[in-house]
Amino acid sequence: MGLGQKIAIGYYRTKFKLLSAVSKRKAAELAFELFSTPQLRYKKYFPKIFDKAEKLEMKIEGDTVKGYRWNKGGDRKVLIAHGFNSTVAKFDRYIVPLVKKGYEVLAFDAPAHGRSTGKQINAVLYKEMVLEIIRQYGPVESFMAHSFGGLAIMLALEEIGHDENYRVVLVAPATESKTAIDFFVSFMKLDDKVRAEFENYIFEMRQKPVDWYSVSRAVEHVHASILWVHDEDDDLTPWKDAKKVQEKNYPHVRFVITKGLGHRRIYRDNKVSKEIIDFL
């Protein structure tokens, strides 16, 4: 962690402490704003394969979302969804193999990511982006999603329904939002009352509790064929959350478990890439 990051973290911890003494609610609202704000932005370097893509653009709640399409008119369509603090540019290795399989490939940077505009992202906004992509460029029958993108895809498919013929790849999905919130609250040293207001604020946004924003909950209502790839050493979306889903032995979900790849290298591993392409 660099000096600048340490200073920023110290600043926010102090600010939360001072603000919570005045208003737990205002501290919670500020905490949610920070929780929803990506700290990294990949704008400049995109692999050359993106130069060959058709450039797409659409509006989502005032943000301009940038997208890319290869092989327009292909036999089937697949959508690639990236994680928090990431970009579709990191999934370049999948584009040519998917095109060779006959896919029209769609990939969009979520608001506040890559070359899209915006400052914040949350699960509902990401889900709405996925639904809008399907409305404008669908039908989409196959999906590949990493981390936070996995939660967005599953929430979208749950809302769509009638997905029995779809194919979905979840790579290290953000299985439980509660786990991410637990980490954030602990890291920022928020007290229990601010945590409670934080969850109240989330509920008031869409009348859904934190536990609703869960891949393990949504998977019960999504009947697509799912390939779930997860690493035992994942430090961001822990295997212990995914293992609870594996233990339920859903007939439409197949697990591939790796060791030593962590959260970020897993989708760039050659064996994992082949498994994903073969499944799709």
C-alpha atoms as a PDB file:
ATOM      1  CA  MET A   1       0.000   0.000   0.000  1.00  0.00           C
ATOM      2  CA  GLY A   2       1.425   3.358  -1.065  1.00  0.00           C
ATOM      3  CA  LEU A   3       1.733   6.457   1.087  1.00  0.00           C
ATOM      4  CA  GLY A   4      -1.108   8.179  -0.766  1.00  0.00           C
ATOM      5  CA  GLN A   5      -3.453   5.274  -0.094  1.00  0.00           C
ATOM      6  CA  LYS A   6      -2.518   5.207   3.584  1.00  0.00           C
ATOM      7  CA  ILE A   7      -3.227   8.928   3.884  1.00  0.00           C
ATOM      8  CA  ALA A   8      -6.594   8.546   2.128  1.00  0.00           C
ATOM      9  CA  ILE A   9      -7.614   5.639   4.351  1.00  0.00           C
ATOM     10  CA  GLY A  10      -6.612   7.542   7.474  1.00  0.00           C
ATOM     11  CA  TYR A  11      -8.571  10.559   6.251  1.00  0.00           C
ATOM     12  CA  TYR A  12     -11.757   8.565   5.701  1.00  0.00           C
ATOM     13  CA  ARG A  13     -11.469   6.686   8.985  1.00  0.00           C
ATOM     14  CA  THR A  14     -11.179   9.989  10.840  1.00  0.00           C
ATOM     15  CA  LYS A  15     -14.021  11.511   8.835  1.00  0.00           C
ATOM     16  CA  PHE A  16     -16.321   8.562   9.560  1.00  0.00           C
ATOM     17  CA  LYS A  17     -15.506   8.758  13.268  1.00  0.00           C
ATOM     18  CA  LEU A  18     -16.229  12.484  13.473  1.00  0.00           C
ATOM     19  CA  LEU A  19     -19.353  12.308  11.319  1.00  0.00           C
ATOM     20  CA  SER A  20     -20.787   9.319  13.182  1.00  0.00           C
ATOM     21  CA  ALA A  21     -20.604  11.319  16.413  1.00  0.00           C
ATOM     22  CA  VAL A  22     -23.001  13.793  14.802  1.00  0.00           C
ATOM     23  CA  SER A  23     -25.152  11.477  12.664  1.00  0.00           C
ATOM     24  CA  LYS A  24     -24.902   7.718  12.213  1.00  0.00           C
ATOM     25  CA  ARG A  25     -27.073   8.057   9.109  1.00  0.00           C
ATOM     26  CA  LYS A  26     -24.848  10.602   7.387  1.00  0.00           C
ATOM     27  CA  ALA A  27     -21.791   8.511   8.199  1.00  0.00           C
ATOM     28  CA  ALA A  28     -23.524   5.477   6.673  1.00  0.00           C
ATOM     29  CA  GLU A  29     -24.458   7.382   3.514  1.00  0.00           C
ATOM     30  CA  LEU A  30     -20.883   8.567   3.071  1.00  0.00           C
ATOM     31  CA  ALA A  31     -19.656   5.028   3.703  1.00  0.00           C
ATOM     32  CA  PHE A  32     -21.957   3.650   0.996  1.00  0.00           C
ATOM     33  CA  GLU A  33     -20.730   6.309  -1.423  1.00  0.00           C
ATOM     34  CA  LEU A  34     -17.127   5.264  -0.798  1.00  0.00           C
ATOM     35  CA  PHE A  35     -18.068   1.558  -0.934  1.00  0.00           C
ATOM     36  CA  SER A  36     -19.582   2.134  -4.401  1.00  0.00           C
ATOM     37  CA  THR A  37     -16.687   4.166  -5.797  1.00  0.00           C
ATOM     38  CA  PRO A  38     -13.999   2.286  -7.770  1.00  0.00           C
ATOM     39  CA  GLN A  39     -10.474   3.313  -6.842  1.00  0.00           C
ATOM     40  CA  LEU A  40      -8.873   2.217 -10.126  1.00  0.00           C
ATOM     41  CA  ARG A  41      -9.691   3.319 -13.654  1.00  0.00           C
ATOM     42  CA  TYR A  42      -8.360   1.640 -16.807  1.00  0.00           C
ATOM     43  CA  LYS A  43      -8.844   4.060 -19.708  1.00  0.00           C
ATOM     44  CA  LYS A  44      -5.723   4.269 -21.807  1.00  0.00           C
ATOM     45  CA  TYR A  45      -4.338   0.828 -22.612  1.00  0.00           C
ATOM     46  CA  PHE A  46      -6.707  -1.526 -24.376  1.00  0.00           C
ATOM     47  CA  PRO A  47      -5.369  -4.578 -26.283  1.00  0.00           C
ATOM     48  CA  LYS A  48      -5.303  -4.268 -30.084  1.00  0.00           C
ATOM     49  CA  ILE A  49      -8.260  -6.631 -30.460  1.00  0.00           C
ATOM     50  CA  PHE A  50     -10.416  -3.764 -29.178  1.00  0.00           C
ATOM     51  CA  ASP A  51      -9.332  -1.609 -32.136  1.00  0.00           C
ATOM     52  CA  LYS A  52     -11.067  -4.135 -34.384  1.00  0.00           C
ATOM     53  CA  ALA A  53     -14.328  -4.051 -32.444  1.00  0.00           C
ATOM     54  CA  GLU A  54     -17.471  -2.183 -33.401  1.00  0.00           C
ATOM     55  CA  LYS A  55     -17.827   0.578 -30.813  1.00  0.00           C
ATOM     56  CA  LEU A  56     -21.153   0.703 -28.983  1.00  0.00           C
ATOM     57  CA  GLU A  57     -22.612   3.256 -26.602  1.00  0.00           C
ATOM     58  CA  MET A  58     -25.722   3.583 -24.463  1.00  0.00           C
ATOM     59  CA  LYS A  59     -27.039   5.580 -21.510  1.00  0.00           C
ATOM     60  CA  ILE A  60     -27.661   4.103 -18.055  1.00  0.00           C
ATOM     61  CA  GLU A  61     -29.111   6.473 -15.449  1.00  0.00           C
ATOM     62  CA  GLY A  62     -27.209   9.409 -16.915  1.00  0.00           C
ATOM     63  CA  ASP A  63     -23.919   7.574 -17.416  1.00  0.00           C
ATOM     64  CA  THR A  64     -22.519   6.853 -20.876  1.00  0.00           C
ATOM     65  CA  VAL A  65     -21.593   3.185 -21.075  1.00  0.00           C
ATOM     66  CA  LYS A  66     -18.994   2.150 -23.645  1.00  0.00           C
ATOM     67  CA  GLY A  67     -19.228  -1.230 -25.300  1.00  0.00           C
ATOM     68  CA  TYR A  68     -17.585  -3.376 -27.953  1.00  0.00           C
ATOM     69  CA  ARG A  69     -18.901  -5.935 -30.428  1.00  0.00           C
ATOM     70  CA  TRP A  70     -17.119  -8.515 -32.543  1.00  0.00           C
ATOM     71  CA  ASN A  71     -18.569 -10.774 -35.249  1.00  0.00           C
ATOM     72  CA  LYS A  72     -21.948  -9.061 -35.555  1.00  0.00           C
ATOM     73  CA  GLY A  73     -24.518 -11.506 -36.871  1.00  0.00           C
ATOM     74  CA  GLY A  74     -22.865 -14.553 -35.323  1.00  0.00           C
ATOM     75  CA  ASP A  75     -24.892 -17.690 -34.616  1.00  0.00           C
ATOM     76  CA  ARG A  76     -25.222 -16.864 -30.910  1.00  0.00           C
ATOM     77  CA  LYS A  77     -24.405 -13.966 -28.616  1.00  0.00           C
ATOM     78  CA  VAL A  78     -22.246 -13.936 -25.501  1.00  0.00           C
ATOM     79  CA  LEU A  79     -21.844 -11.081 -23.022  1.00  0.00           C
ATOM     80  CA  ILE A  80     -18.656 -10.586 -20.993  1.00  0.00           C
ATOM     81  CA  ALA A  81     -18.995  -8.794 -17.621  1.00  0.00           C
ATOM     82  CA  HIS A  82     -15.981  -7.612 -15.598  1.00  0.00           C
ATOM     83  CA  GLY A  83     -15.560  -7.143 -11.857  1.00  0.00           C
ATOM     84  CA  PHE A  84     -15.226  -4.132  -9.546  1.00  0.00           C
ATOM     85  CA  ASN A  85     -12.133  -1.982 -10.228  1.00  0.00           C
ATOM     86  CA  SER A  86     -11.662  -3.804 -13.537  1.00  0.00           C
ATOM     87  CA  THR A  87     -12.501  -3.529 -17.252  1.00  0.00           C
ATOM     88  CA  VAL A  88     -13.498  -5.740 -20.173  1.00  0.00           C
ATOM     89  CA  ALA A  89     -10.053  -5.004 -21.636  1.00  0.00           C
ATOM     90  CA  LYS A  90      -8.685  -7.660 -19.290  1.00  0.00           C
ATOM     91  CA  PHE A  91     -10.712 -10.383 -21.021  1.00  0.00           C
ATOM     92  CA  ASP A  92      -9.099  -9.987 -24.448  1.00  0.00           C
ATOM     93  CA  ARG A  93      -7.896 -13.597 -24.526  1.00  0.00           C
ATOM     94  CA  TYR A  94     -11.480 -14.866 -24.810  1.00  0.00           C
ATOM     95  CA  ILE A  95     -12.618 -12.831 -27.803  1.00  0.00           C
ATOM     96  CA  VAL A  96     -10.978 -14.668 -30.718  1.00  0.00           C
ATOM     97  CA  PRO A  97     -11.789 -18.184 -29.403  1.00  0.00           C
ATOM     98  CA  LEU A  98     -15.434 -17.192 -28.883  1.00  0.00           C
ATOM     99  CA  VAL A  99     -15.653 -15.689 -32.365  1.00  0.00           C
ATOM    100  CA  LYS A 100     -14.175 -18.909 -33.774  1.00  0.00           C
ATOM    101  CA  LYS A 101     -16.999 -20.793 -32.059  1.00  0.00           C
ATOM    102  CA  GLY A 102     -19.475 -18.646 -33.955  1.00  0.00           C
ATOM    103  CA  TYR A 103     -20.351 -16.188 -31.214  1.00  0.00           C
ATOM    104  CA  GLU A 104     -21.170 -12.537 -31.605  1.00  0.00           C
ATOM    105  CA  VAL A 105     -19.197 -11.188 -28.646  1.00  0.00           C
ATOM    106  CA  LEU A 106     -20.475  -8.254 -26.581  1.00  0.00           C
ATOM    107  CA  ALA A 107     -18.432  -6.567 -23.846  1.00  0.00           C
ATOM    108  CA  PHE A 108     -19.249  -3.395 -21.919  1.00  0.00           C
ATOM    109  CA  ASP A 109     -17.471  -1.424 -19.226  1.00  0.00           C
ATOM    110  CA  ALA A 110     -19.828  -0.752 -16.326  1.00  0.00           C
ATOM    111  CA  PRO A 111     -20.387   2.835 -15.138  1.00  0.00           C
ATOM    112  CA  ALA A 112     -17.280   4.251 -13.407  1.00  0.00           C
ATOM    113  CA  HIS A 113     -15.091   1.652 -15.134  1.00  0.00           C
ATOM    114  CA  GLY A 114     -12.868   1.647 -18.203  1.00  0.00           C
ATOM    115  CA  ARG A 115     -13.932   4.236 -20.757  1.00  0.00           C
ATOM    116  CA  SER A 116     -17.491   4.525 -19.460  1.00  0.00           C
ATOM    117  CA  THR A 117     -18.462   7.652 -17.537  1.00  0.00           C
ATOM    118  CA  GLY A 118     -19.725   7.829 -13.968  1.00  0.00           C
ATOM    119  CA  LYS A 119     -18.219   7.823 -10.511  1.00  0.00           C
ATOM    120  CA  GLN A 120     -20.055   4.995  -8.757  1.00  0.00           C
ATOM    121  CA  ILE A 121     -21.427   1.508  -9.351  1.00  0.00           C
ATOM    122  CA  ASN A 122     -23.679  -0.767  -7.322  1.00  0.00           C
ATOM    123  CA  ALA A 123     -25.317  -4.133  -7.897  1.00  0.00           C
ATOM    124  CA  VAL A 124     -28.658  -2.667  -8.981  1.00  0.00           C
ATOM    125  CA  LEU A 125     -27.085  -0.279 -11.493  1.00  0.00           C
ATOM    126  CA  TYR A 126     -24.898  -3.061 -12.916  1.00  0.00           C
ATOM    127  CA  LYS A 127     -27.919  -5.371 -13.171  1.00  0.00           C
ATOM    128  CA  GLU A 128     -29.877  -2.663 -14.999  1.00  0.00           C
ATOM    129  CA  MET A 129     -26.974  -2.245 -17.409  1.00  0.00           C
ATOM    130  CA  VAL A 130     -27.040  -5.965 -18.198  1.00  0.00           C
ATOM    131  CA  LEU A 131     -30.793  -5.870 -18.797  1.00  0.00           C
ATOM    132  CA  GLU A 132     -30.437  -2.847 -21.094  1.00  0.00           C
ATOM    133  CA  ILE A 133     -27.688  -4.570 -23.091  1.00  0.00           C
ATOM    134  CA  ILE A 134     -29.997  -7.539 -23.594  1.00  0.00           C
ATOM    135  CA  ARG A 135     -32.860  -5.246 -24.634  1.00  0.00           C
ATOM    136  CA  GLN A 136     -30.764  -3.308 -27.139  1.00  0.00           C
ATOM    137  CA  TYR A 137     -28.379  -5.943 -28.481  1.00  0.00           C
ATOM    138  CA  GLY A 138     -29.954  -9.273 -27.563  1.00  0.00           C
ATOM    139  CA  PRO A 139     -31.131 -11.870 -27.395  1.00  0.00           C
ATOM    140  CA  VAL A 140     -28.077 -12.993 -25.426  1.00  0.00           C
ATOM    141  CA  GLU A 141     -27.913 -16.698 -24.633  1.00  0.00           C
ATOM    142  CA  SER A 142     -24.471 -17.002 -23.018  1.00  0.00           C
ATOM    143  CA  PHE A 143     -22.664 -15.043 -20.336  1.00  0.00           C
ATOM    144  CA  MET A 144     -19.189 -14.935 -18.848  1.00  0.00           C
ATOM    145  CA  ALA A 145     -18.753 -12.892 -15.690  1.00  0.00           C
ATOM    146  CA  HIS A 146     -16.013 -12.292 -13.143  1.00  0.00           C
ATOM    147  CA  SER A 147     -16.452 -11.212  -9.514  1.00  0.00           C
ATOM    148  CA  PHE A 148     -18.973  -8.351  -9.137  1.00  0.00           C
ATOM    149  CA  GLY A 149     -20.062  -8.932 -12.727  1.00  0.00           C
ATOM    150  CA  GLY A 150     -21.217 -12.397 -11.681  1.00  0.00           C
ATOM    151  CA  LEU A 151     -23.618 -10.947  -9.128  1.00  0.00           C
ATOM    152  CA  ALA A 152     -25.004  -8.507 -11.714  1.00  0.00           C
ATOM    153  CA  ILE A 153     -25.527 -11.253 -14.298  1.00  0.00           C
ATOM    154  CA  MET A 154     -27.284 -13.551 -11.827  1.00  0.00           C
ATOM    155  CA  LEU A 155     -29.611 -10.800 -10.590  1.00  0.00           C
ATOM    156  CA  ALA A 156     -30.452  -9.936 -14.203  1.00  0.00           C
ATOM    157  CA  LEU A 157     -31.134 -13.547 -15.200  1.00  0.00           C
ATOM    158  CA  GLU A 158     -33.277 -14.058 -12.121  1.00  0.00           C
ATOM    159  CA  GLU A 159     -35.392 -11.097 -13.218  1.00  0.00           C
ATOM    160  CA  ILE A 160     -35.647 -12.276 -16.834  1.00  0.00           C
ATOM    161  CA  GLY A 161     -36.623 -15.880 -16.062  1.00  0.00           C
ATOM    162  CA  HIS A 162     -37.141 -18.571 -18.731  1.00  0.00           C
ATOM    163  CA  ASP A 163     -33.386 -19.098 -18.893  1.00  0.00           C
ATOM    164  CA  GLU A 164     -33.192 -22.901 -19.100  1.00  0.00           C
ATOM    165  CA  ASN A 165     -31.332 -22.833 -22.435  1.00  0.00           C
ATOM    166  CA  TYR A 166     -28.751 -20.230 -21.362  1.00  0.00           C
ATOM    167  CA  ARG A 167     -25.117 -20.941 -20.519  1.00  0.00           C
ATOM    168  CA  VAL A 168     -23.410 -18.967 -17.759  1.00  0.00           C
ATOM    169  CA  VAL A 169     -19.786 -18.918 -16.625  1.00  0.00           C
ATOM    170  CA  LEU A 170     -19.195 -17.467 -13.161  1.00  0.00           C
ATOM    171  CA  VAL A 171     -15.525 -16.872 -12.380  1.00  0.00           C
ATOM    172  CA  ALA A 172     -14.895 -16.064  -8.720  1.00  0.00           C
ATOM    173  CA  PRO A 173     -18.326 -14.430  -8.406  1.00  0.00           C
ATOM    174  CA  ALA A 174     -19.087 -12.006  -5.583  1.00  0.00           C
ATOM    175  CA  THR A 175     -21.135 -14.712  -3.902  1.00  0.00           C
ATOM    176  CA  GLU A 176     -22.322 -12.745  -0.862  1.00  0.00           C
ATOM    177  CA  SER A 177     -22.552  -8.955  -0.691  1.00  0.00           C
ATOM    178  CA  LYS A 178     -22.564  -9.310   3.083  1.00  0.00           C
ATOM    179  CA  THR A 179     -18.986 -10.601   2.927  1.00  0.00           C
ATOM    180  CA  ALA A 180     -17.827  -7.530   0.989  1.00  0.00           C
ATOM    181  CA  ILE A 181     -19.622  -5.257   3.446  1.00  0.00           C
ATOM    182  CA  ASP A 182     -18.104  -7.099   6.423  1.00  0.00           C
ATOM    183  CA  PHE A 183     -14.631  -6.473   5.012  1.00  0.00           C
ATOM    184  CA  PHE A 184     -15.340  -2.815   4.236  1.00  0.00           C
ATOM    185  CA  VAL A 185     -16.842  -2.111   7.664  1.00  0.00           C
ATOM    186  CA  SER A 186     -13.906  -3.765   9.423  1.00  0.00           C
ATOM    187  CA  PHE A 187     -11.319  -2.037   7.224  1.00  0.00           C
ATOM    188  CA  MET A 188     -12.859   1.395   7.725  1.00  0.00           C
ATOM    189  CA  LYS A 189     -13.431   0.755  11.452  1.00  0.00           C
ATOM    190  CA  LEU A 190     -17.139   1.624  11.335  1.00  0.00           C
ATOM    191  CA  ASP A 191     -19.103   0.995  14.521  1.00  0.00           C
ATOM    192  CA  ASP A 192     -22.151  -1.282  14.786  1.00  0.00           C
ATOM    193  CA  LYS A 193     -24.670   1.552  14.643  1.00  0.00           C
ATOM    194  CA  VAL A 194     -23.181   2.946  11.440  1.00  0.00           C
ATOM    195  CA  ARG A 195     -23.188  -0.599  10.035  1.00  0.00           C
ATOM    196  CA  ALA A 196     -26.895  -0.906  10.852  1.00  0.00           C
ATOM    197  CA  GLU A 197     -27.643   2.409   9.135  1.00  0.00           C
ATOM    198  CA  PHE A 198     -25.522   1.305   6.168  1.00  0.00           C
ATOM    199  CA  GLU A 199     -27.744  -1.744   5.724  1.00  0.00           C
ATOM    200  CA  ASN A 200     -30.897   0.331   6.268  1.00  0.00           C
ATOM    201  CA  TYR A 201     -29.759   2.671   3.509  1.00  0.00           C
ATOM    202  CA  ILE A 202     -29.288  -0.254   1.123  1.00  0.00           C
ATOM    203  CA  PHE A 203     -32.742  -1.583   1.985  1.00  0.00           C
ATOM    204  CA  GLU A 204     -34.389   1.772   1.328  1.00  0.00           C
ATOM    205  CA  MET A 205     -32.878   1.983  -2.163  1.00  0.00           C
ATOM    206  CA  ARG A 206     -34.838  -0.988  -3.567  1.00  0.00           C
ATOM    207  CA  GLN A 207     -36.702  -2.435  -0.580  1.00  0.00           C
ATOM    208  CA  LYS A 208     -34.287  -5.383  -0.563  1.00  0.00           C
ATOM    209  CA  PRO A 209     -32.062  -6.421   2.376  1.00  0.00           C
ATOM    210  CA  VAL A 210     -28.336  -6.999   2.004  1.00  0.00           C
ATOM    211  CA  ASP A 211     -28.847 -10.773   1.950  1.00  0.00           C
ATOM    212  CA  TRP A 212     -30.908 -10.423  -1.239  1.00  0.00           C
ATOM    213  CA  TYR A 213     -27.802  -9.284  -3.137  1.00  0.00           C
ATOM    214  CA  SER A 214     -26.429 -12.788  -3.199  1.00  0.00           C
ATOM    215  CA  VAL A 215     -25.393 -15.211  -5.932  1.00  0.00           C
ATOM    216  CA  SER A 216     -26.107 -18.121  -3.589  1.00  0.00           C
ATOM    217  CA  ARG A 217     -29.699 -16.892  -3.259  1.00  0.00           C
ATOM    218  CA  ALA A 218     -30.190 -16.057  -6.953  1.00  0.00           C
ATOM    219  CA  VAL A 219     -28.801 -19.385  -8.165  1.00  0.00           C
ATOM    220  CA  GLU A 220     -31.886 -21.095  -6.757  1.00  0.00           C
ATOM    221  CA  HIS A 221     -34.027 -19.141  -9.238  1.00  0.00           C
ATOM    222  CA  VAL A 222     -31.744 -19.247 -12.283  1.00  0.00           C
ATOM    223  CA  HIS A 223     -32.013 -22.512 -14.205  1.00  0.00           C
ATOM    224  CA  ALA A 224     -29.361 -21.936 -16.860  1.00  0.00           C
ATOM    225  CA  SER A 225     -26.424 -24.327 -17.199  1.00  0.00           C
ATOM    226  CA  ILE A 226     -23.750 -22.785 -14.969  1.00  0.00           C
ATOM    227  CA  LEU A 227     -19.999 -23.347 -14.846  1.00  0.00           C
ATOM    228  CA  TRP A 228     -18.684 -21.941 -11.553  1.00  0.00           C
ATOM    229  CA  VAL A 229     -14.893 -21.486 -11.365  1.00  0.00           C
ATOM    230  CA  HIS A 230     -13.399 -20.531  -8.002  1.00  0.00           C
ATOM    231  CA  ASP A 231      -9.993 -20.611  -6.349  1.00  0.00           C
ATOM    232  CA  GLU A 232      -9.502 -21.893  -2.820  1.00  0.00           C
ATOM    233  CA  ASP A 233      -7.082 -19.030  -2.117  1.00  0.00           C
ATOM    234  CA  ASP A 234      -9.372 -16.225  -3.300  1.00  0.00           C
ATOM    235  CA  ASP A 235      -8.900 -13.313  -0.891  1.00  0.00           C
ATOM    236  CA  LEU A 236     -11.766 -11.124  -2.171  1.00  0.00           C
ATOM    237  CA  THR A 237     -14.639 -13.501  -2.859  1.00  0.00           C
ATOM    238  CA  PRO A 238     -13.780 -16.282  -0.417  1.00  0.00           C
ATOM    239  CA  TRP A 239     -14.160 -19.928  -1.311  1.00  0.00           C
ATOM    240  CA  LYS A 240     -16.034 -20.552   1.942  1.00  0.00           C
ATOM    241  CA  ASP A 241     -19.019 -18.631   0.524  1.00  0.00           C
ATOM    242  CA  ALA A 242     -18.953 -20.543  -2.765  1.00  0.00           C
ATOM    243  CA  LYS A 243     -18.455 -23.883  -0.997  1.00  0.00           C
ATOM    244  CA  LYS A 244     -21.872 -23.515   0.634  1.00  0.00           C
ATOM    245  CA  VAL A 245     -23.397 -23.382  -2.846  1.00  0.00           C
ATOM    246  CA  GLN A 246     -21.363 -26.374  -4.002  1.00  0.00           C
ATOM    247  CA  GLU A 247     -22.609 -28.408  -1.049  1.00  0.00           C
ATOM    248  CA  LYS A 248     -26.218 -27.965  -2.223  1.00  0.00           C
ATOM    249  CA  ASN A 249     -25.431 -30.025  -5.341  1.00  0.00           C
ATOM    250  CA  TYR A 250     -27.603 -28.094  -7.771  1.00  0.00           C
ATOM    251  CA  PRO A 251     -27.968 -30.211 -10.937  1.00  0.00           C
ATOM    252  CA  HIS A 252     -27.517 -27.185 -13.218  1.00  0.00           C
ATOM    253  CA  VAL A 253     -24.273 -25.976 -11.583  1.00  0.00           C
ATOM    254  CA  ARG A 254     -20.841 -27.518 -12.201  1.00  0.00           C
ATOM    255  CA  PHE A 255     -17.853 -26.411 -10.117  1.00  0.00           C
ATOM    256  CA  VAL A 256     -14.218 -26.184 -11.163  1.00  0.00           C
ATOM    257  CA  ILE A 257     -11.988 -25.534  -8.146  1.00  0.00           C
ATOM    258  CA  THR A 258      -8.430 -24.259  -8.523  1.00  0.00           C
ATOM    259  CA  LYS A 259      -5.596 -23.696  -6.078  1.00  0.00           C
ATOM    260  CA  GLY A 260      -3.077 -20.863  -5.986  1.00  0.00           C
ATOM    261  CA  LEU A 261      -4.588 -18.600  -8.657  1.00  0.00           C
ATOM    262  CA  GLY A 262      -6.372 -16.246  -6.279  1.00  0.00           C
ATOM    263  CA  HIS A 263      -9.029 -13.790  -7.401  1.00  0.00           C
ATOM    264  CA  ARG A 264      -7.385 -11.938 -10.281  1.00  0.00           C
ATOM    265  CA  ARG A 265      -5.187 -14.472 -12.088  1.00  0.00           C
ATOM    266  CA  ILE A 266      -7.815 -17.179 -12.306  1.00  0.00           C
ATOM    267  CA  TYR A 267      -9.482 -16.060 -15.540  1.00  0.00           C
ATOM    268  CA  ARG A 268      -6.104 -15.595 -17.254  1.00  0.00           C
ATOM    269  CA  ASP A 269      -4.952 -19.131 -16.497  1.00  0.00           C
ATOM    270  CA  ASN A 270      -4.662 -21.259 -19.644  1.00  0.00           C
ATOM    271  CA  LYS A 271      -6.417 -24.309 -18.208  1.00  0.00           C
ATOM    272  CA  VAL A 272      -9.257 -22.189 -16.850  1.00  0.00           C
ATOM    273  CA  SER A 273      -9.589 -20.341 -20.154  1.00  0.00           C
ATOM    274  CA  LYS A 274      -9.873 -23.619 -22.063  1.00  0.00           C
ATOM    275  CA  GLU A 275     -12.460 -24.934 -19.611  1.00  0.00           C
ATOM    276  CA  ILE A 276     -14.543 -21.796 -20.106  1.00  0.00           C
ATOM    277  CA  ILE A 277     -14.311 -21.786 -23.907  1.00  0.00           C
ATOM    278  CA  ASP A 278     -15.162 -25.492 -24.081  1.00  0.00           C
ATOM    279  CA  PHE A 279     -18.202 -24.970 -21.850  1.00  0.00           C
ATOM    280  CA  LEU A 280     -19.523 -22.059 -23.871  1.00  0.00           C
END
